[in-house]
C-alpha atoms as a PDB file:
ATOM      1  CA  MET A   1      24.803  10.036   3.587  1.00  0.00           C
ATOM      2  CA  LEU A   2      21.660  11.212   5.292  1.00  0.00           C
ATOM      3  CA  ASN A   3      21.447  11.840   8.978  1.00  0.00           C
ATOM      4  CA  GLU A   4      18.476  11.349  11.239  1.00  0.00           C
ATOM      5  CA  GLN A   5      15.866  14.065  10.619  1.00  0.00           C
ATOM      6  CA  ASP A   6      17.270  14.868   7.123  1.00  0.00           C
ATOM      7  CA  ILE A   7      14.791  15.102   4.272  1.00  0.00           C
ATOM      8  CA  ALA A   8      15.351  12.292   1.787  1.00  0.00           C
ATOM      9  CA  PRO A   9      15.879  13.303  -1.826  1.00  0.00           C
ATOM     10  CA  ASP A  10      13.107  12.375  -4.239  1.00  0.00           C
ATOM     11  CA  PHE A  11      13.775   9.227  -6.253  1.00  0.00           C
ATOM     12  CA  GLU A  12      11.850   6.935  -8.561  1.00  0.00           C
ATOM     13  CA  LEU A  13      11.785   3.110  -8.684  1.00  0.00           C
ATOM     14  CA  LEU A  14       9.674   0.344 -10.176  1.00  0.00           C
ATOM     15  CA  ASN A  15       7.314  -1.520  -7.866  1.00  0.00           C
ATOM     16  CA  ASP A  16       6.593  -5.244  -8.011  1.00  0.00           C
ATOM     17  CA  GLN A  17       4.114  -4.633 -10.847  1.00  0.00           C
ATOM     18  CA  ASP A  18       6.651  -2.645 -12.926  1.00  0.00           C
ATOM     19  CA  ASN A  19       4.856   0.647 -12.251  1.00  0.00           C
ATOM     20  CA  SER A  20       6.947   3.737 -11.604  1.00  0.00           C
ATOM     21  CA  VAL A  21       6.664   5.063  -8.046  1.00  0.00           C
ATOM     22  CA  LYS A  22       8.247   8.250  -6.698  1.00  0.00           C
ATOM     23  CA  LEU A  23       9.012   8.911  -3.065  1.00  0.00           C
ATOM     24  CA  SER A  24       7.198  12.238  -3.451  1.00  0.00           C
ATOM     25  CA  HIS A  25       3.941  10.308  -4.073  1.00  0.00           C
ATOM     26  CA  PHE A  26       3.983   9.483  -0.354  1.00  0.00           C
ATOM     27  CA  LYS A  27       4.557  13.027   0.927  1.00  0.00           C
ATOM     28  CA  GLY A  28       3.002  13.458   4.374  1.00  0.00           C
ATOM     29  CA  LYS A  29       2.841   9.695   4.992  1.00  0.00           C
ATOM     30  CA  TRP A  30       5.156   7.348   6.846  1.00  0.00           C
ATOM     31  CA  VAL A  31       7.437   5.376   4.529  1.00  0.00           C
ATOM     32  CA  VAL A  32       9.699   2.452   5.366  1.00  0.00           C
ATOM     33  CA  LEU A  33      12.506   1.624   2.952  1.00  0.00           C
ATOM     34  CA  TYR A  34      13.773  -1.903   3.336  1.00  0.00           C
ATOM     35  CA  PHE A  35      16.953  -2.928   1.545  1.00  0.00           C
ATOM     36  CA  PHE A  36      17.933  -6.561   1.584  1.00  0.00           C
ATOM     37  CA  PRO A  37      21.012  -8.439   0.395  1.00  0.00           C
ATOM     38  CA  LYS A  38      21.045 -10.307  -2.878  1.00  0.00           C
ATOM     39  CA  ALA A  39      19.676 -13.836  -2.769  1.00  0.00           C
ATOM     40  CA  MET A  40      22.141 -16.485  -1.723  1.00  0.00           C
ATOM     41  CA  THR A  41      24.488 -14.025   0.012  1.00  0.00           C
ATOM     42  CA  GLY A  42      25.246 -13.585   3.667  1.00  0.00           C
ATOM     43  CA  GLY A  43      23.759 -10.580   5.268  1.00  0.00           C
END
């Protein structure tokens, strides 16, 4: 688990257009990661 002020490890995901995006592509910029629950679940 990361703590406040920790540096996040680099990772790679697909965006909404199925293009690969790495966290390191945004180095020096503010990034917000938003995780949401699966559809039709409480949360």
